[in-house]
C-alpha atoms as a PDB file:
ATOM      1  CA  MET A   1       5.500 -56.341 -22.567  1.00  0.00           C
ATOM      2  CA  THR A   2       6.528 -53.132 -24.210  1.00  0.00           C
ATOM      3  CA  ARG A   3       6.418 -49.670 -22.027  1.00  0.00           C
ATOM      4  CA  SER A   4       4.193 -46.810 -23.828  1.00  0.00           C
ATOM      5  CA  LEU A   5       6.157 -43.853 -24.105  1.00  0.00           C
ATOM      6  CA  HIS A   6       4.864 -40.834 -22.790  1.00  0.00           C
ATOM      7  CA  PRO A   7       6.286 -37.290 -23.374  1.00  0.00           C
ATOM      8  CA  PRO A   8       7.621 -35.607 -20.693  1.00  0.00           C
ATOM      9  CA  PRO A   9       5.793 -33.053 -17.874  1.00  0.00           C
ATOM     10  CA  PRO A  10       5.035 -29.744 -19.220  1.00  0.00           C
ATOM     11  CA  LEU A  11       7.793 -28.672 -16.512  1.00  0.00           C
ATOM     12  CA  LEU A  12      10.141 -30.601 -17.231  1.00  0.00           C
ATOM     13  CA  ARG A  13       9.627 -29.083 -21.335  1.00  0.00           C
ATOM     14  CA  LEU A  14       9.952 -25.281 -19.733  1.00  0.00           C
ATOM     15  CA  ALA A  15      12.808 -26.299 -17.591  1.00  0.00           C
ATOM     16  CA  LEU A  16      14.624 -27.287 -20.806  1.00  0.00           C
ATOM     17  CA  LEU A  17      13.167 -24.635 -22.964  1.00  0.00           C
ATOM     18  CA  ALA A  18      14.783 -22.298 -19.908  1.00  0.00           C
ATOM     19  CA  GLY A  19      18.201 -24.106 -20.364  1.00  0.00           C
ATOM     20  CA  LEU A  20      17.687 -23.713 -24.201  1.00  0.00           C
ATOM     21  CA  LEU A  21      17.568 -19.680 -23.402  1.00  0.00           C
ATOM     22  CA  LEU A  22      20.793 -20.138 -21.234  1.00  0.00           C
ATOM     23  CA  LEU A  23      22.512 -21.101 -23.770  1.00  0.00           C
ATOM     24  CA  ALA A  24      21.135 -18.473 -25.944  1.00  0.00           C
ATOM     25  CA  MET A  25      21.932 -15.704 -24.178  1.00  0.00           C
ATOM     26  CA  VAL A  26      26.151 -17.138 -23.312  1.00  0.00           C
ATOM     27  CA  LEU A  27      26.318 -17.809 -27.646  1.00  0.00           C
ATOM     28  CA  ALA A  28      25.025 -14.366 -27.594  1.00  0.00           C
ATOM     29  CA  LEU A  29      27.374 -12.863 -25.460  1.00  0.00           C
ATOM     30  CA  LEU A  30      30.375 -15.077 -26.834  1.00  0.00           C
ATOM     31  CA  LEU A  31      30.312 -14.568 -30.440  1.00  0.00           C
ATOM     32  CA  GLY A  32      30.463 -11.542 -32.936  1.00  0.00           C
ATOM     33  CA  SER A  33      32.961  -9.827 -34.782  1.00  0.00           C
ATOM     34  CA  LEU A  34      35.799 -10.639 -32.517  1.00  0.00           C
ATOM     35  CA  PRO A  35      34.826 -14.234 -30.766  1.00  0.00           C
ATOM     36  CA  LEU A  36      35.388 -14.681 -27.072  1.00  0.00           C
ATOM     37  CA  SER A  37      36.391 -17.918 -25.155  1.00  0.00           C
ATOM     38  CA  LEU A  38      34.019 -19.221 -22.250  1.00  0.00           C
ATOM     39  CA  ALA A  39      37.689 -18.570 -20.133  1.00  0.00           C
ATOM     40  CA  GLU A  40      37.373 -14.420 -21.152  1.00  0.00           C
ATOM     41  CA  LEU A  41      33.696 -14.465 -20.699  1.00  0.00           C
ATOM     42  CA  TRP A  42      34.100 -15.819 -17.429  1.00  0.00           C
ATOM     43  CA  ALA A  43      36.920 -13.380 -15.809  1.00  0.00           C
ATOM     44  CA  VAL A  44      34.946 -10.381 -17.535  1.00  0.00           C
ATOM     45  CA  LEU A  45      31.443 -10.854 -15.108  1.00  0.00           C
ATOM     46  CA  ARG A  46      33.811 -12.031 -12.037  1.00  0.00           C
ATOM     47  CA  GLY A  47      35.251  -8.506 -12.575  1.00  0.00           C
ATOM     48  CA  GLN A  48      38.593  -9.398 -13.877  1.00  0.00           C
ATOM     49  CA  GLY A  49      39.876  -9.348 -17.729  1.00  0.00           C
ATOM     50  CA  SER A  50      40.922  -7.197 -20.457  1.00  0.00           C
ATOM     51  CA  PRO A  51      39.496  -4.086 -20.863  1.00  0.00           C
ATOM     52  CA  LEU A  52      39.117  -4.612 -24.711  1.00  0.00           C
ATOM     53  CA  ALA A  53      36.570  -7.343 -23.612  1.00  0.00           C
ATOM     54  CA  HIS A  54      34.804  -5.918 -21.035  1.00  0.00           C
ATOM     55  CA  SER A  55      33.809  -3.066 -22.873  1.00  0.00           C
ATOM     56  CA  ILE A  56      32.747  -5.653 -25.334  1.00  0.00           C
ATOM     57  CA  VAL A  57      30.312  -8.102 -23.523  1.00  0.00           C
ATOM     58  CA  PHE A  58      28.850  -4.457 -20.928  1.00  0.00           C
ATOM     59  CA  GLU A  59      28.807  -1.854 -23.707  1.00  0.00           C
ATOM     60  CA  LEU A  60      28.041  -3.551 -26.930  1.00  0.00           C
ATOM     61  CA  ARG A  61      26.824  -7.391 -26.451  1.00  0.00           C
ATOM     62  CA  LEU A  62      24.719  -7.292 -23.337  1.00  0.00           C
ATOM     63  CA  PRO A  63      22.591  -4.027 -23.729  1.00  0.00           C
ATOM     64  CA  ARG A  64      22.325  -5.590 -27.712  1.00  0.00           C
ATOM     65  CA  MET A  65      21.296  -8.854 -25.259  1.00  0.00           C
ATOM     66  CA  LEU A  66      18.856  -7.973 -23.356  1.00  0.00           C
ATOM     67  CA  GLN A  67      17.213  -5.499 -26.450  1.00  0.00           C
ATOM     68  CA  ALA A  68      16.474  -9.051 -28.330  1.00  0.00           C
ATOM     69  CA  MET A  69      15.114 -10.392 -25.223  1.00  0.00           C
ATOM     70  CA  LEU A  70      12.520  -7.875 -24.853  1.00  0.00           C
ATOM     71  CA  VAL A  71      11.736  -7.682 -27.958  1.00  0.00           C
ATOM     72  CA  GLY A  72      11.524 -11.196 -28.269  1.00  0.00           C
ATOM     73  CA  GLY A  73       9.386 -11.001 -25.073  1.00  0.00           C
ATOM     74  CA  LEU A  74       7.047  -8.488 -26.942  1.00  0.00           C
ATOM     75  CA  LEU A  75       6.466  -9.868 -30.301  1.00  0.00           C
ATOM     76  CA  SER A  76       6.258 -13.847 -28.853  1.00  0.00           C
ATOM     77  CA  LEU A  77       3.006 -12.771 -26.675  1.00  0.00           C
ATOM     78  CA  ALA A  78       1.847  -9.970 -28.722  1.00  0.00           C
ATOM     79  CA  GLY A  79       1.371 -13.151 -31.384  1.00  0.00           C
ATOM     80  CA  TRP A  80      -0.095 -15.498 -28.588  1.00  0.00           C
ATOM     81  CA  GLN A  81      -2.807 -13.150 -27.404  1.00  0.00           C
ATOM     82  CA  MET A  82      -3.644 -11.958 -31.379  1.00  0.00           C
ATOM     83  CA  GLN A  83      -4.174 -15.788 -32.241  1.00  0.00           C
ATOM     84  CA  LEU A  84      -6.603 -16.419 -28.811  1.00  0.00           C
ATOM     85  CA  LEU A  85      -8.300 -13.139 -30.091  1.00  0.00           C
ATOM     86  CA  LEU A  86      -8.918 -14.398 -33.815  1.00  0.00           C
ATOM     87  CA  ARG A  87      -9.074 -17.593 -33.425  1.00  0.00           C
ATOM     88  CA  ASN A  88      -6.169 -18.384 -35.619  1.00  0.00           C
ATOM     89  CA  PRO A  89      -2.863 -19.695 -35.059  1.00  0.00           C
ATOM     90  CA  LEU A  90      -1.601 -18.491 -38.773  1.00  0.00           C
ATOM     91  CA  ALA A  91      -2.283 -15.345 -37.221  1.00  0.00           C
ATOM     92  CA  ASP A  92       0.527 -12.433 -36.439  1.00  0.00           C
ATOM     93  CA  PRO A  93       1.157  -9.602 -34.378  1.00  0.00           C
ATOM     94  CA  TYR A  94       1.236  -7.408 -37.716  1.00  0.00           C
ATOM     95  CA  ILE A  95      -1.793  -8.067 -38.624  1.00  0.00           C
ATOM     96  CA  LEU A  96      -4.162  -5.989 -37.913  1.00  0.00           C
ATOM     97  CA  GLY A  97      -1.700  -3.122 -39.032  1.00  0.00           C
ATOM     98  CA  ILE A  98      -0.500  -1.503 -35.984  1.00  0.00           C
ATOM     99  CA  SER A  99       2.761  -2.007 -36.687  1.00  0.00           C
ATOM    100  CA  SER A 100       2.913  -0.902 -40.186  1.00  0.00           C
ATOM    101  CA  GLY A 101       1.240   2.553 -39.261  1.00  0.00           C
ATOM    102  CA  ALA A 102       3.979   2.140 -36.108  1.00  0.00           C
ATOM    103  CA  ALA A 103       6.373   1.416 -39.375  1.00  0.00           C
ATOM    104  CA  LEU A 104       5.348   3.952 -41.779  1.00  0.00           C
ATOM    105  CA  ALA A 105       5.272   6.608 -38.990  1.00  0.00           C
ATOM    106  CA  GLY A 106       8.918   6.012 -38.435  1.00  0.00           C
ATOM    107  CA  LEU A 107      10.131   6.029 -42.065  1.00  0.00           C
ATOM    108  CA  LEU A 108       8.563   9.424 -42.585  1.00  0.00           C
ATOM    109  CA  GLY A 109      10.480  10.823 -39.124  1.00  0.00           C
ATOM    110  CA  LEU A 110      13.780   8.950 -40.634  1.00  0.00           C
ATOM    111  CA  LEU A 111      13.306  11.051 -43.697  1.00  0.00           C
ATOM    112  CA  LEU A 112      12.765  14.230 -41.766  1.00  0.00           C
ATOM    113  CA  GLY A 113      15.745  13.620 -40.249  1.00  0.00           C
ATOM    114  CA  VAL A 114      14.107  12.791 -36.685  1.00  0.00           C
ATOM    115  CA  SER A 115      16.231   9.884 -35.024  1.00  0.00           C
ATOM    116  CA  GLY A 116      17.110   8.573 -31.276  1.00  0.00           C
ATOM    117  CA  LEU A 117      14.002   8.907 -29.149  1.00  0.00           C
ATOM    118  CA  TRP A 118      11.902  11.292 -31.235  1.00  0.00           C
ATOM    119  CA  LEU A 119      12.240   8.343 -33.763  1.00  0.00           C
ATOM    120  CA  ASN A 120      10.668   6.227 -30.822  1.00  0.00           C
ATOM    121  CA  LEU A 121       7.770   8.316 -30.509  1.00  0.00           C
ATOM    122  CA  TRP A 122       7.282   9.310 -33.677  1.00  0.00           C
ATOM    123  CA  SER A 123       6.787   5.784 -34.168  1.00  0.00           C
ATOM    124  CA  GLY A 124       4.894   5.467 -30.975  1.00  0.00           C
ATOM    125  CA  LEU A 125       2.104   7.934 -33.182  1.00  0.00           C
ATOM    126  CA  GLY A 126       1.783   6.108 -35.880  1.00  0.00           C
ATOM    127  CA  ALA A 127       0.908   2.770 -33.987  1.00  0.00           C
ATOM    128  CA  GLY A 128      -1.708   5.246 -31.915  1.00  0.00           C
ATOM    129  CA  VAL A 129      -3.148   6.630 -34.570  1.00  0.00           C
ATOM    130  CA  SER A 130      -3.205   3.210 -36.523  1.00  0.00           C
ATOM    131  CA  LEU A 131      -5.221   1.502 -33.430  1.00  0.00           C
ATOM    132  CA  LEU A 132      -7.507   4.086 -33.382  1.00  0.00           C
ATOM    133  CA  LEU A 133      -8.826   3.637 -37.048  1.00  0.00           C
ATOM    134  CA  LEU A 134      -9.334   0.322 -35.981  1.00  0.00           C
ATOM    135  CA  LEU A 135     -11.228   0.166 -33.068  1.00  0.00           C
ATOM    136  CA  LEU A 136     -13.282   3.096 -34.790  1.00  0.00           C
ATOM    137  CA  LEU A 137     -14.088   1.484 -38.050  1.00  0.00           C
ATOM    138  CA  ALA A 138     -14.045  -2.347 -36.275  1.00  0.00           C
ATOM    139  CA  GLY A 139     -13.946  -2.477 -33.018  1.00  0.00           C
ATOM    140  CA  ARG A 140     -16.537  -3.643 -31.401  1.00  0.00           C
ATOM    141  CA  SER A 141     -17.663  -5.679 -35.087  1.00  0.00           C
ATOM    142  CA  SER A 142     -16.881  -9.878 -34.884  1.00  0.00           C
ATOM    143  CA  SER A 143     -13.380 -10.833 -35.402  1.00  0.00           C
ATOM    144  CA  GLU A 144     -13.671 -12.029 -39.121  1.00  0.00           C
ATOM    145  CA  ARG A 145     -14.603  -7.611 -39.972  1.00  0.00           C
ATOM    146  CA  LEU A 146     -11.653  -6.580 -36.885  1.00  0.00           C
ATOM    147  CA  LEU A 147      -9.205  -8.825 -39.122  1.00  0.00           C
ATOM    148  CA  LEU A 148     -10.066  -7.587 -42.349  1.00  0.00           C
ATOM    149  CA  THR A 149      -9.668  -3.870 -41.629  1.00  0.00           C
ATOM    150  CA  GLY A 150      -6.828  -4.314 -39.918  1.00  0.00           C
ATOM    151  CA  VAL A 151      -5.716  -5.689 -43.187  1.00  0.00           C
ATOM    152  CA  MET A 152      -6.660  -3.107 -45.291  1.00  0.00           C
ATOM    153  CA  LEU A 153      -4.984  -0.797 -42.648  1.00  0.00           C
ATOM    154  CA  SER A 154      -1.526  -2.543 -43.151  1.00  0.00           C
ATOM    155  CA  SER A 155      -1.981  -2.500 -46.579  1.00  0.00           C
ATOM    156  CA  LEU A 156      -2.546   0.877 -46.862  1.00  0.00           C
ATOM    157  CA  CYS A 157       0.434   1.640 -44.459  1.00  0.00           C
ATOM    158  CA  VAL A 158       2.627  -0.506 -46.361  1.00  0.00           C
ATOM    159  CA  SER A 159       1.331   1.379 -49.648  1.00  0.00           C
ATOM    160  CA  GLY A 160       2.876   4.667 -47.936  1.00  0.00           C
ATOM    161  CA  VAL A 161       5.755   2.561 -46.749  1.00  0.00           C
ATOM    162  CA  SER A 162       6.795   2.157 -50.675  1.00  0.00           C
ATOM    163  CA  LEU A 163       5.638   5.791 -51.157  1.00  0.00           C
ATOM    164  CA  ILE A 164       8.401   7.334 -48.420  1.00  0.00           C
ATOM    165  CA  LEU A 165      11.569   4.598 -49.656  1.00  0.00           C
ATOM    166  CA  SER A 166      10.684   5.131 -53.634  1.00  0.00           C
ATOM    167  CA  LEU A 167      11.074   9.461 -52.533  1.00  0.00           C
ATOM    168  CA  ALA A 168      14.407   8.705 -50.122  1.00  0.00           C
ATOM    169  CA  PRO A 169      17.402  10.186 -50.867  1.00  0.00           C
ATOM    170  CA  GLY A 170      20.172   7.382 -51.249  1.00  0.00           C
ATOM    171  CA  GLU A 171      22.408   8.270 -48.674  1.00  0.00           C
ATOM    172  CA  ARG A 172      19.566   7.622 -46.128  1.00  0.00           C
ATOM    173  CA  LEU A 173      17.486   5.009 -48.027  1.00  0.00           C
ATOM    174  CA  ARG A 174      20.380   2.047 -46.662  1.00  0.00           C
ATOM    175  CA  GLY A 175      19.761   3.587 -43.292  1.00  0.00           C
ATOM    176  CA  MET A 176      15.697   3.457 -43.504  1.00  0.00           C
ATOM    177  CA  LEU A 177      15.690  -0.373 -45.413  1.00  0.00           C
ATOM    178  CA  PHE A 178      17.866  -1.640 -42.689  1.00  0.00           C
ATOM    179  CA  TRP A 179      15.702   0.120 -39.756  1.00  0.00           C
ATOM    180  CA  LEU A 180      12.641  -0.912 -41.663  1.00  0.00           C
ATOM    181  CA  MET A 181      14.031  -4.661 -41.495  1.00  0.00           C
ATOM    182  CA  GLY A 182      15.000  -5.205 -37.962  1.00  0.00           C
ATOM    183  CA  ASP A 183      17.154  -2.852 -36.362  1.00  0.00           C
ATOM    184  CA  LEU A 184      18.970  -3.691 -32.443  1.00  0.00           C
ATOM    185  CA  SER A 185      21.912  -1.778 -32.638  1.00  0.00           C
ATOM    186  CA  GLN A 186      20.045   0.947 -31.034  1.00  0.00           C
ATOM    187  CA  PRO A 187      20.785   1.718 -27.664  1.00  0.00           C
ATOM    188  CA  VAL A 188      17.397   2.426 -25.698  1.00  0.00           C
ATOM    189  CA  PRO A 189      15.880   2.053 -22.033  1.00  0.00           C
ATOM    190  CA  TYR A 190      14.781  -0.733 -20.650  1.00  0.00           C
ATOM    191  CA  TRP A 191      12.786  -0.468 -17.998  1.00  0.00           C
ATOM    192  CA  PRO A 192       9.395   0.837 -19.941  1.00  0.00           C
ATOM    193  CA  LEU A 193      10.387  -2.077 -22.086  1.00  0.00           C
ATOM    194  CA  LEU A 194       9.907  -4.388 -19.184  1.00  0.00           C
ATOM    195  CA  LEU A 195       7.545  -2.874 -17.169  1.00  0.00           C
ATOM    196  CA  ILE A 196       4.753  -3.728 -20.765  1.00  0.00           C
ATOM    197  CA  LEU A 197       5.824  -6.584 -20.317  1.00  0.00           C
ATOM    198  CA  LEU A 198       5.519  -7.405 -17.432  1.00  0.00           C
ATOM    199  CA  VAL A 199       1.718  -6.218 -16.845  1.00  0.00           C
ATOM    200  CA  SER A 200       0.825  -7.389 -19.956  1.00  0.00           C
ATOM    201  CA  THR A 201       1.716 -11.045 -19.309  1.00  0.00           C
ATOM    202  CA  LEU A 202       0.515 -10.202 -15.540  1.00  0.00           C
ATOM    203  CA  LEU A 203      -3.245 -10.066 -17.392  1.00  0.00           C
ATOM    204  CA  SER A 204      -2.604 -12.759 -19.575  1.00  0.00           C
ATOM    205  CA  VAL A 205      -2.436 -14.831 -16.127  1.00  0.00           C
ATOM    206  CA  ILE A 206      -4.897 -13.278 -14.277  1.00  0.00           C
ATOM    207  CA  LEU A 207      -7.378 -13.765 -17.487  1.00  0.00           C
ATOM    208  CA  HIS A 208      -6.524 -17.436 -18.196  1.00  0.00           C
ATOM    209  CA  LEU A 209      -9.199 -18.823 -17.587  1.00  0.00           C
ATOM    210  CA  PRO A 210     -12.193 -16.526 -19.896  1.00  0.00           C
ATOM    211  CA  LEU A 211      -9.266 -16.210 -22.559  1.00  0.00           C
ATOM    212  CA  ALA A 212      -9.313 -20.587 -22.982  1.00  0.00           C
ATOM    213  CA  ILE A 213     -13.443 -19.936 -22.595  1.00  0.00           C
ATOM    214  CA  LEU A 214     -12.887 -17.509 -25.878  1.00  0.00           C
ATOM    215  CA  SER A 215     -10.590 -20.228 -27.463  1.00  0.00           C
ATOM    216  CA  GLN A 216     -13.496 -22.723 -27.576  1.00  0.00           C
ATOM    217  CA  GLY A 217     -15.134 -20.595 -29.550  1.00  0.00           C
ATOM    218  CA  GLU A 218     -17.552 -16.795 -28.954  1.00  0.00           C
ATOM    219  CA  THR A 219     -20.917 -19.254 -28.752  1.00  0.00           C
ATOM    220  CA  LEU A 220     -19.114 -20.847 -25.391  1.00  0.00           C
ATOM    221  CA  ALA A 221     -18.107 -17.687 -24.461  1.00  0.00           C
ATOM    222  CA  TYR A 222     -21.715 -16.664 -24.307  1.00  0.00           C
ATOM    223  CA  SER A 223     -23.087 -19.657 -22.891  1.00  0.00           C
ATOM    224  CA  LEU A 224     -21.015 -19.404 -20.056  1.00  0.00           C
ATOM    225  CA  GLY A 225     -21.142 -15.659 -18.828  1.00  0.00           C
ATOM    226  CA  VAL A 226     -17.904 -14.137 -20.288  1.00  0.00           C
ATOM    227  CA  ALA A 227     -17.697 -11.176 -21.060  1.00  0.00           C
ATOM    228  CA  ILE A 228     -16.517 -11.022 -24.877  1.00  0.00           C
ATOM    229  CA  ARG A 229     -16.544  -7.763 -25.764  1.00  0.00           C
ATOM    230  CA  PRO A 230     -14.324  -6.239 -23.056  1.00  0.00           C
ATOM    231  CA  LEU A 231     -11.939  -9.287 -23.034  1.00  0.00           C
ATOM    232  CA  ARG A 232     -11.724  -8.710 -26.930  1.00  0.00           C
ATOM    233  CA  LEU A 233     -10.737  -4.982 -26.630  1.00  0.00           C
ATOM    234  CA  LEU A 234      -8.201  -5.959 -24.158  1.00  0.00           C
ATOM    235  CA  LEU A 235      -6.771  -8.474 -25.831  1.00  0.00           C
ATOM    236  CA  LEU A 236      -6.848  -6.155 -28.748  1.00  0.00           C
ATOM    237  CA  LEU A 237      -5.229  -3.207 -26.423  1.00  0.00           C
ATOM    238  CA  LEU A 238      -2.518  -5.039 -25.297  1.00  0.00           C
ATOM    239  CA  ALA A 239      -1.108  -7.497 -28.264  1.00  0.00           C
ATOM    240  CA  SER A 240      -1.375  -3.526 -29.981  1.00  0.00           C
ATOM    241  CA  LEU A 241       1.037  -1.700 -27.703  1.00  0.00           C
ATOM    242  CA  LEU A 242       2.962  -5.162 -27.306  1.00  0.00           C
ATOM    243  CA  THR A 243       3.169  -5.041 -31.368  1.00  0.00           C
ATOM    244  CA  ALA A 244       4.012  -1.220 -30.943  1.00  0.00           C
ATOM    245  CA  SER A 245       6.452  -1.637 -28.725  1.00  0.00           C
ATOM    246  CA  ALA A 246       8.713  -4.174 -30.572  1.00  0.00           C
ATOM    247  CA  VAL A 247       8.731  -1.583 -33.578  1.00  0.00           C
ATOM    248  CA  MET A 248       9.277   1.837 -32.058  1.00  0.00           C
ATOM    249  CA  THR A 249      12.365  -0.437 -30.525  1.00  0.00           C
ATOM    250  CA  ALA A 250      13.740  -2.429 -33.112  1.00  0.00           C
ATOM    251  CA  GLY A 251      12.015  -1.571 -36.603  1.00  0.00           C
ATOM    252  CA  SER A 252       9.366  -4.529 -38.028  1.00  0.00           C
ATOM    253  CA  ILE A 253      10.548  -8.209 -37.359  1.00  0.00           C
ATOM    254  CA  GLY A 254       8.878 -10.523 -38.508  1.00  0.00           C
ATOM    255  CA  PHE A 255       7.090 -14.437 -37.856  1.00  0.00           C
ATOM    256  CA  ILE A 256       8.693 -14.032 -34.673  1.00  0.00           C
ATOM    257  CA  GLY A 257       5.130 -13.437 -33.220  1.00  0.00           C
ATOM    258  CA  MET A 258       3.237 -15.875 -36.071  1.00  0.00           C
ATOM    259  CA  ALA A 259       5.708 -18.963 -34.762  1.00  0.00           C
ATOM    260  CA  VAL A 260       6.546 -18.862 -31.488  1.00  0.00           C
ATOM    261  CA  PRO A 261       3.252 -19.157 -29.834  1.00  0.00           C
ATOM    262  CA  HIS A 262       2.483 -22.225 -32.831  1.00  0.00           C
ATOM    263  CA  LEU A 263       5.654 -23.883 -31.158  1.00  0.00           C
ATOM    264  CA  ALA A 264       4.651 -23.435 -27.990  1.00  0.00           C
ATOM    265  CA  ARG A 265       1.407 -24.678 -28.490  1.00  0.00           C
ATOM    266  CA  LEU A 266       3.210 -28.022 -29.476  1.00  0.00           C
ATOM    267  CA  LEU A 267       5.574 -28.357 -27.122  1.00  0.00           C
ATOM    268  CA  CYS A 268       3.847 -26.776 -24.359  1.00  0.00           C
ATOM    269  CA  GLY A 269       0.952 -28.919 -24.894  1.00  0.00           C
ATOM    270  CA  THR A 270      -2.936 -27.269 -24.851  1.00  0.00           C
ATOM    271  CA  ALA A 271      -2.768 -25.552 -21.531  1.00  0.00           C
ATOM    272  CA  LEU A 272      -3.284 -21.531 -21.404  1.00  0.00           C
ATOM    273  CA  PRO A 273      -0.858 -21.254 -18.600  1.00  0.00           C
ATOM    274  CA  ALA A 274       1.681 -23.515 -20.312  1.00  0.00           C
ATOM    275  CA  GLN A 275       1.641 -22.165 -23.353  1.00  0.00           C
ATOM    276  CA  LEU A 276       1.752 -18.393 -22.680  1.00  0.00           C
ATOM    277  CA  ALA A 277       5.274 -19.661 -20.486  1.00  0.00           C
ATOM    278  CA  GLY A 278       6.233 -21.592 -23.532  1.00  0.00           C
ATOM    279  CA  SER A 279       6.119 -18.456 -25.404  1.00  0.00           C
ATOM    280  CA  LEU A 280       8.062 -15.845 -23.362  1.00  0.00           C
ATOM    281  CA  LEU A 281      10.803 -18.750 -22.931  1.00  0.00           C
ATOM    282  CA  LEU A 282      11.360 -19.008 -26.780  1.00  0.00           C
ATOM    283  CA  GLY A 283      10.182 -16.209 -28.250  1.00  0.00           C
ATOM    284  CA  PRO A 284      13.772 -14.083 -26.694  1.00  0.00           C
ATOM    285  CA  THR A 285      15.362 -17.110 -27.386  1.00  0.00           C
ATOM    286  CA  LEU A 286      14.890 -16.979 -31.109  1.00  0.00           C
ATOM    287  CA  LEU A 287      15.118 -13.707 -31.899  1.00  0.00           C
ATOM    288  CA  LEU A 288      18.763 -14.096 -30.015  1.00  0.00           C
ATOM    289  CA  LEU A 289      19.815 -16.375 -32.035  1.00  0.00           C
ATOM    290  CA  ALA A 290      18.909 -14.815 -34.758  1.00  0.00           C
ATOM    291  CA  ASP A 291      20.594 -11.884 -33.850  1.00  0.00           C
ATOM    292  CA  THR A 292      23.515 -13.380 -33.017  1.00  0.00           C
ATOM    293  CA  ALA A 293      23.976 -15.070 -36.673  1.00  0.00           C
ATOM    294  CA  SER A 294      22.467 -11.470 -38.446  1.00  0.00           C
ATOM    295  CA  ARG A 295      26.065 -10.606 -36.807  1.00  0.00           C
ATOM    296  CA  THR A 296      28.530 -12.882 -37.129  1.00  0.00           C
ATOM    297  CA  LEU A 297      27.659 -15.311 -40.775  1.00  0.00           C
ATOM    298  CA  PHE A 298      29.061 -11.967 -42.439  1.00  0.00           C
ATOM    299  CA  ALA A 299      31.365 -10.261 -39.773  1.00  0.00           C
ATOM    300  CA  PRO A 300      32.217  -7.373 -39.462  1.00  0.00           C
ATOM    301  CA  LEU A 301      29.138  -6.741 -41.892  1.00  0.00           C
ATOM    302  CA  GLN A 302      26.080  -7.063 -40.435  1.00  0.00           C
ATOM    303  CA  ILE A 303      22.932  -7.863 -41.930  1.00  0.00           C
ATOM    304  CA  PRO A 304      19.425  -6.898 -40.412  1.00  0.00           C
ATOM    305  CA  VAL A 305      18.006  -9.128 -37.861  1.00  0.00           C
ATOM    306  CA  GLY A 306      14.666  -9.547 -39.593  1.00  0.00           C
ATOM    307  CA  VAL A 307      15.982 -11.463 -42.277  1.00  0.00           C
ATOM    308  CA  CYS A 308      17.079 -14.280 -40.160  1.00  0.00           C
ATOM    309  CA  THR A 309      14.122 -14.372 -38.506  1.00  0.00           C
ATOM    310  CA  ALA A 310      12.495 -14.545 -42.235  1.00  0.00           C
ATOM    311  CA  LEU A 311      14.929 -17.633 -43.274  1.00  0.00           C
ATOM    312  CA  PHE A 312      13.244 -19.601 -40.096  1.00  0.00           C
ATOM    313  CA  GLY A 313       9.859 -17.804 -40.088  1.00  0.00           C
ATOM    314  CA  ALA A 314       8.651 -18.497 -43.461  1.00  0.00           C
ATOM    315  CA  PRO A 315       9.532 -22.546 -43.796  1.00  0.00           C
ATOM    316  CA  VAL A 316       7.745 -22.411 -40.786  1.00  0.00           C
ATOM    317  CA  PHE A 317       4.597 -20.596 -41.827  1.00  0.00           C
ATOM    318  CA  LEU A 318       4.542 -23.390 -45.245  1.00  0.00           C
ATOM    319  CA  TRP A 319       4.882 -25.379 -42.697  1.00  0.00           C
ATOM    320  CA  LEU A 320       2.183 -24.751 -40.852  1.00  0.00           C
ATOM    321  CA  LEU A 321      -0.054 -24.219 -43.808  1.00  0.00           C
ATOM    322  CA  TYR A 322       1.054 -27.838 -45.375  1.00  0.00           C
ATOM    323  CA  ARG A 323       0.162 -29.139 -41.707  1.00  0.00           C
ATOM    324  CA  HIS A 324      -3.471 -27.290 -41.847  1.00  0.00           C
ATOM    325  CA  GLY A 325      -4.022 -27.949 -45.246  1.00  0.00           C
ATOM    326  CA  THR A 326      -3.808 -31.979 -44.605  1.00  0.00           C
ATOM    327  CA  THR A 327      -5.838 -32.020 -41.545  1.00  0.00           C
ATOM    328  CA  ALA A 328      -8.715 -30.332 -43.459  1.00  0.00           C
ATOM    329  CA  ARG A 329      -8.473 -32.854 -46.098  1.00  0.00           C
END
């Protein structure tokens, strides 16, 4: 008599993902241009160890680790919400042009010599203008028109980005390209990002029942009395705020928002709370691993973290396309 093999329960899978996140955090603190041993890291965390190791951990790697975790959480949650909003597992936080507007404004600020907190404000202004245009043009329309409008806005902003890069002086071009492809080296205040992430997560948990109904189709949602337009507008605003915050902090980092929610769906099942928790664990984990790779593969040189996420995300995207094409056939 054979025994049927059952997949582990969702809580066990989430516990495994939490353990993977903890492992990624340890690797982020250990690896770099000057690697540390576990004994040295443990001594530093206990308040001992050499001054050099203490400086490396608390002044360089720990702030960057926290920034990567927050940005990974912002992008994965935005992707989860966008895929619910558009009912498309291949949807991406950048698909509606909000990030392109933030990137265009950020590059314009870099071209004018803006830096630090003012650069974040410039990027936020660009994201806000893109969101306003999107709401004016297609905010109350169907998901299909919203998607098409966002794609057109994104194309327009990408053209502006290309124009700025072509006009930028040579001494500023490398820094602009580095920021555009993802840069986690700039220190930022953490509490606004954490507050945005916590509030957005709380709202997603509170609204998980109407969101689950909406994910099954607008016809069913209408028949069950779900207020579709306010719910879609709230999802759009939350996803835009999350995406803009991530771009303002670290530039454009692709594929995390597209791949992570789908992986969470495959690993954690169809229940939205499990998918949400899985996305919030996987996003920081993958971005931490990508950032660690970007700091160590060609050390002491660093490459943009967006390059590493693209090397991971592009094969996943191709696999998703192949899987959906096979399912359709």
